Amino acid sequence: PGIFYTIRIELRPNNITPLAKFQLYERPVTTVAFHPTEPLAAVGCALERGVHVVDTSANHASAPLGFDVMAHVMLSDEVSTLDLLWQHGRLFVFSDNCSACIVEISDMLDKDSHVCQTLKPTHQISLDRALVSTTSLFTDADGTYIFAVASGASELIAYASAPSSISSVELQGAEVHNGNGLLCLDACNDAKLIVTGDARGTLVVSKLLTEA
């Protein structure tokens, strides 16, 4: 339990090579998120506090096979991690107590240090509900957005992301599952289509329409 593996997968699906193994928690690892452009992975556990950031570049020899745990993000005693999102030099950590926090890691990207650093959130954010699942962050001409579903809710939720905050965005037609509780969602790369699944086994594909 609580082990994070780094594995290389070649083009052939039957060729998988384990590269590194980290015992990060005493309880199971429940969420992992790769940075979209940097060789970093954030790792969280829903039953223990704190998030680890692992350097997956494998270009140095300070750790076995060249991988390092480069940072540990300290969260409060009352929260556990539900979801993780990257945006450039920021890590969003969504917790089970209707809150989120933003961790700035941009300074770490420019340093060639292989010592694990302890980080604290730079911004704490209160949400109106506890989120079950979130999409990646999408950016258009009007800003950056996150789509999410909440425990027991049957409608899509949208948030606008600013450098130090997250604010709710009203979605018309967000009720897509006729009262059934949503459990998961994902969006295509341009966020024009969003798929959601509910507790009764129903999948709904929705089209996001932007204002003219």
Protein backbone atom coordinates (compact mmCIF):
# COMPACT_ATOMS: atom_id res chain seq x y z
CA PRO A 1 0.00 0.00 0.00
CA GLY A 2 1.04 3.58 -0.62
CA ILE A 3 3.62 2.71 -3.29
CA PHE A 4 4.18 4.86 -6.39
CA TYR A 5 5.71 3.14 -9.44
CA THR A 6 7.27 4.77 -12.49
CA ILE A 7 7.01 2.55 -15.58
CA ARG A 8 8.22 3.00 -19.15
CA ILE A 9 5.83 1.70 -21.83
CA GLU A 10 7.25 1.15 -25.31
CA LEU A 11 5.15 1.33 -28.47
CA ARG A 12 4.30 -2.33 -28.16
CA PRO A 13 1.68 -2.72 -25.39
CA ASN A 14 3.33 -5.90 -24.11
CA ASN A 15 6.60 -4.16 -23.27
CA ILE A 16 6.51 -2.46 -19.83
CA THR A 17 9.67 -1.69 -17.88
CA PRO A 18 9.47 -0.65 -14.18
CA LEU A 19 11.91 2.19 -13.54
CA ALA A 20 11.39 3.32 -9.95
CA LYS A 21 9.43 2.55 -6.81
CA PHE A 22 8.65 4.91 -3.94
CA GLN A 23 7.01 4.03 -0.62
CA LEU A 24 5.24 7.35 -0.07
CA TYR A 25 2.32 6.43 2.21
CA GLU A 26 1.26 3.72 4.61
CA ARG A 27 -2.15 3.61 2.92
CA PRO A 28 -3.09 3.27 -0.77
CA VAL A 29 -2.12 5.84 -3.37
CA THR A 30 -5.44 7.06 -4.80
CA THR A 31 -4.61 9.83 -7.26
CA VAL A 32 -1.70 10.57 -9.61
CA ALA A 33 -1.31 13.47 -12.07
CA PHE A 34 1.48 14.03 -14.59
CA HIS A 35 2.43 17.59 -15.42
CA PRO A 36 1.43 18.22 -19.07
CA THR A 37 4.81 19.64 -20.11
CA GLU A 38 7.33 19.04 -17.30
CA PRO A 39 8.75 15.68 -16.13
CA LEU A 40 6.82 15.81 -12.85
CA ALA A 41 4.14 13.67 -11.26
CA ALA A 42 1.99 14.65 -8.26
CA VAL A 43 0.88 11.79 -5.99
CA GLY A 44 -1.86 11.82 -3.36
CA CYS A 45 -3.59 9.54 -0.87
CA ALA A 46 -7.24 9.99 0.14
CA LEU A 47 -6.54 8.48 3.57
CA GLU A 48 -3.40 10.42 4.49
CA ARG A 49 -2.59 14.10 4.29
CA GLY A 50 0.08 15.60 2.08
CA VAL A 51 1.00 15.42 -1.61
CA HIS A 52 4.33 14.33 -3.07
CA VAL A 53 5.89 15.67 -6.27
CA VAL A 54 8.17 13.21 -8.08
CA ASP A 55 10.81 14.19 -10.64
CA THR A 56 10.55 11.70 -13.53
CA SER A 57 13.24 13.20 -15.77
CA ALA A 58 15.80 10.48 -14.88
CA ASN A 59 18.67 12.73 -15.91
CA HIS A 60 20.76 12.63 -12.75
CA ALA A 61 22.25 10.05 -10.43
CA SER A 62 21.25 11.31 -6.98
CA ALA A 63 18.62 8.58 -6.56
CA PRO A 64 18.35 4.97 -7.79
CA LEU A 65 17.57 4.99 -11.51
CA GLY A 66 17.71 8.79 -11.49
CA PHE A 67 14.29 9.58 -9.99
CA ASP A 68 13.68 11.82 -6.97
CA VAL A 69 10.87 12.83 -4.66
CA MET A 70 11.51 16.54 -5.09
CA ALA A 71 8.80 18.01 -2.85
CA HIS A 72 6.27 17.22 -0.16
CA VAL A 73 3.24 19.50 0.08
CA MET A 74 1.99 19.88 3.65
CA LEU A 75 -1.78 20.02 4.06
CA SER A 76 -3.77 20.56 7.24
CA ASP A 77 -4.64 17.64 9.52
CA GLU A 78 -8.31 17.78 8.59
CA VAL A 79 -8.09 17.20 4.83
CA SER A 80 -7.23 14.38 2.45
CA THR A 81 -6.54 14.60 -1.26
CA LEU A 82 -9.28 13.82 -3.79
CA ASP A 83 -7.90 15.20 -7.05
CA LEU A 84 -4.81 16.91 -8.46
CA LEU A 85 -4.47 19.32 -11.40
CA TRP A 86 -1.46 21.05 -12.91
CA GLN A 87 -1.38 24.45 -14.58
CA HIS A 88 2.07 25.63 -15.63
CA GLY A 89 3.95 26.23 -12.36
CA ARG A 90 0.93 25.65 -10.11
CA LEU A 91 -0.55 22.53 -8.58
CA PHE A 92 -4.23 22.50 -7.59
CA VAL A 93 -5.09 20.14 -4.74
CA PHE A 94 -8.80 19.38 -4.22
CA SER A 95 -9.71 17.99 -0.79
CA ASP A 96 -12.65 16.20 0.80
CA ASN A 97 -13.74 19.10 3.01
CA CYS A 98 -15.16 21.43 0.32
CA SER A 99 -11.83 23.14 -0.17
CA ALA A 100 -8.92 23.42 -2.55
CA CYS A 101 -5.48 24.92 -2.41
CA ILE A 102 -2.91 26.19 -4.89
CA VAL A 103 0.77 25.29 -4.56
CA GLU A 104 3.34 27.34 -6.46
CA ILE A 105 6.16 25.17 -7.80
CA SER A 106 7.44 27.44 -10.58
CA ASP A 107 10.59 28.32 -8.60
CA MET A 108 11.46 24.64 -8.27
CA LEU A 109 11.39 24.13 -12.03
CA ASP A 110 14.43 26.40 -12.46
CA LYS A 111 16.52 24.78 -9.73
CA ASP A 112 18.84 21.83 -10.15
CA SER A 113 18.30 20.61 -6.59
CA HIS A 114 17.73 16.99 -5.67
CA VAL A 115 16.85 17.58 -2.02
CA CYS A 116 13.19 17.02 -1.13
CA GLN A 117 11.62 20.36 -0.26
CA THR A 118 8.66 20.94 2.04
CA LEU A 119 6.05 23.21 0.49
CA LYS A 120 2.95 24.86 1.87
CA PRO A 121 -0.07 26.04 -0.16
CA THR A 122 0.15 29.66 -1.23
CA HIS A 123 -3.63 30.04 -1.49
CA GLN A 124 -6.52 28.31 0.31
CA ILE A 125 -9.89 28.24 -1.44
CA SER A 126 -13.34 27.41 -0.04
CA LEU A 127 -15.71 25.62 -2.41
CA ASP A 128 -19.48 25.36 -2.19
CA ARG A 129 -19.38 21.54 -2.25
CA ALA A 130 -17.05 18.56 -2.08
CA LEU A 131 -15.92 17.49 -5.56
CA VAL A 132 -15.77 13.86 -6.66
CA SER A 133 -13.90 14.33 -9.94
CA THR A 134 -12.49 17.15 -12.06
CA THR A 135 -11.31 17.59 -15.63
CA SER A 136 -8.04 19.12 -16.71
CA LEU A 137 -7.79 22.89 -16.97
CA PHE A 138 -8.86 24.39 -20.29
CA THR A 139 -7.86 27.81 -21.54
CA ASP A 140 -9.60 29.93 -24.14
CA ALA A 141 -9.78 33.63 -24.97
CA ASP A 142 -11.96 34.30 -21.93
CA GLY A 143 -9.88 32.50 -19.31
CA THR A 144 -9.07 29.13 -17.75
CA TYR A 145 -11.78 26.72 -16.59
CA ILE A 146 -12.24 23.48 -14.66
CA PHE A 147 -15.27 21.22 -14.98
CA ALA A 148 -16.26 19.00 -12.07
CA VAL A 149 -18.91 16.81 -10.47
CA ALA A 150 -19.82 16.80 -6.78
CA SER A 151 -20.97 14.09 -4.40
CA GLY A 152 -24.70 13.40 -4.81
CA ALA A 153 -25.16 16.08 -7.48
CA SER A 154 -26.63 15.47 -10.92
CA GLU A 155 -25.42 18.65 -12.63
CA LEU A 156 -22.10 19.70 -14.10
CA ILE A 157 -20.09 22.32 -12.25
CA ALA A 158 -17.70 24.83 -13.78
CA TYR A 159 -15.04 26.98 -12.12
CA ALA A 160 -12.95 29.82 -13.52
CA SER A 161 -9.31 29.73 -12.45
CA ALA A 162 -7.41 32.90 -11.59
CA PRO A 163 -3.80 33.10 -10.33
CA SER A 164 -4.93 33.00 -6.69
CA SER A 165 -8.55 31.87 -6.71
CA ILE A 166 -11.26 29.64 -8.16
CA SER A 167 -14.76 31.01 -8.73
CA SER A 168 -18.02 29.34 -9.76
CA VAL A 169 -19.33 29.82 -13.30
CA GLU A 170 -23.02 29.41 -14.07
CA LEU A 171 -23.74 26.74 -16.68
CA GLN A 172 -27.06 26.70 -18.51
CA GLY A 173 -28.40 23.18 -18.96
CA ALA A 174 -25.96 21.75 -16.41
CA GLU A 175 -28.56 19.21 -15.21
CA VAL A 176 -27.65 16.34 -17.54
CA HIS A 177 -28.56 13.19 -15.61
CA ASN A 178 -32.18 13.71 -14.45
CA GLY A 179 -31.47 13.53 -10.74
CA ASN A 180 -28.98 10.66 -10.82
CA GLY A 181 -25.81 11.31 -8.83
CA LEU A 182 -22.74 11.89 -11.02
CA LEU A 183 -19.59 9.93 -10.24
CA CYS A 184 -17.09 10.77 -12.98
CA LEU A 185 -16.43 12.98 -16.00
CA ASP A 186 -13.89 13.80 -18.64
CA ALA A 187 -13.57 16.26 -21.50
CA CYS A 188 -11.96 16.14 -24.93
CA ASN A 189 -8.82 18.18 -25.56
CA ASP A 190 -10.65 21.36 -26.60
CA ALA A 191 -13.40 20.91 -23.94
CA LYS A 192 -16.14 21.03 -26.57
CA LEU A 193 -17.46 17.61 -25.54
CA ILE A 194 -17.84 16.41 -21.95
CA VAL A 195 -18.79 12.87 -20.91
CA THR A 196 -20.32 12.09 -17.52
CA GLY A 197 -21.26 8.85 -15.77
CA ASP A 198 -23.77 8.40 -12.96
CA ALA A 199 -24.64 5.95 -10.19
CA ARG A 200 -27.21 4.14 -12.35
CA GLY A 201 -24.81 3.19 -15.11
CA THR A 202 -25.75 5.97 -17.51
CA LEU A 203 -23.23 7.78 -19.70
CA VAL A 204 -24.14 11.20 -21.12
CA VAL A 205 -22.17 13.05 -23.80
CA SER A 206 -22.72 16.82 -23.68
CA LYS A 207 -21.63 19.59 -26.02
CA LEU A 208 -20.34 22.79 -24.48
CA LEU A 209 -21.65 25.85 -26.29
CA THR A 210 -19.83 29.15 -25.82
CA GLU A 211 -21.44 32.54 -26.10
CA ALA A 212 -21.09 34.31 -29.42
